[in-house]
Amino acid sequence: MESHAPAHLTRTAIQESKASPKHSVTPT
């Protein structure tokens, strides 16, 4: 299920990036 964790983080990162174009970098 390791690939599930990064997938969820990636999806959230995309949503955050779309909502905030200012934050181009993924918040770790």
C-alpha atoms as a PDB file:
ATOM      1  CA  MET A   1       0.000   0.000   0.000  1.00  0.00           C
ATOM      2  CA  GLU A   2       3.036   2.223  -0.283  1.00  0.00           C
ATOM      3  CA  SER A   3       1.912   3.411  -3.692  1.00  0.00           C
ATOM      4  CA  HIS A   4      -1.407   4.459  -2.148  1.00  0.00           C
ATOM      5  CA  ALA A   5       0.156   6.975   0.227  1.00  0.00           C
ATOM      6  CA  PRO A   6       2.143   8.905  -2.435  1.00  0.00           C
ATOM      7  CA  ALA A   7      -0.870   8.789  -4.746  1.00  0.00           C
ATOM      8  CA  HIS A   8      -3.039  10.485  -2.126  1.00  0.00           C
ATOM      9  CA  LEU A   9      -0.348  13.068  -1.419  1.00  0.00           C
ATOM     10  CA  THR A  10       0.055  13.745  -5.108  1.00  0.00           C
ATOM     11  CA  ARG A  11      -3.667  14.255  -5.551  1.00  0.00           C
ATOM     12  CA  THR A  12      -3.769  16.672  -2.633  1.00  0.00           C
ATOM     13  CA  ALA A  13      -0.749  18.502  -3.968  1.00  0.00           C
ATOM     14  CA  ILE A  14      -2.444  18.939  -7.343  1.00  0.00           C
ATOM     15  CA  GLN A  15      -5.593  20.290  -5.696  1.00  0.00           C
ATOM     16  CA  GLU A  16      -3.551  22.667  -3.555  1.00  0.00           C
ATOM     17  CA  SER A  17      -1.548  23.788  -6.564  1.00  0.00           C
ATOM     18  CA  LYS A  18      -4.735  24.464  -8.506  1.00  0.00           C
ATOM     19  CA  ALA A  19      -6.273  26.351  -5.606  1.00  0.00           C
ATOM     20  CA  SER A  20      -3.050  28.244  -4.906  1.00  0.00           C
ATOM     21  CA  PRO A  21      -0.997  28.835  -8.055  1.00  0.00           C
ATOM     22  CA  LYS A  22       1.444  30.714  -5.838  1.00  0.00           C
ATOM     23  CA  HIS A  23       2.551  27.462  -4.225  1.00  0.00           C
ATOM     24  CA  SER A  24       4.195  25.680  -7.129  1.00  0.00           C
ATOM     25  CA  VAL A  25       6.235  23.505  -4.795  1.00  0.00           C
ATOM     26  CA  THR A  26       4.576  20.552  -3.080  1.00  0.00           C
ATOM     27  CA  PRO A  27       4.371  21.098   0.693  1.00  0.00           C
ATOM     28  CA  THR A  28       6.191  18.212   2.312  1.00  0.00           C
END
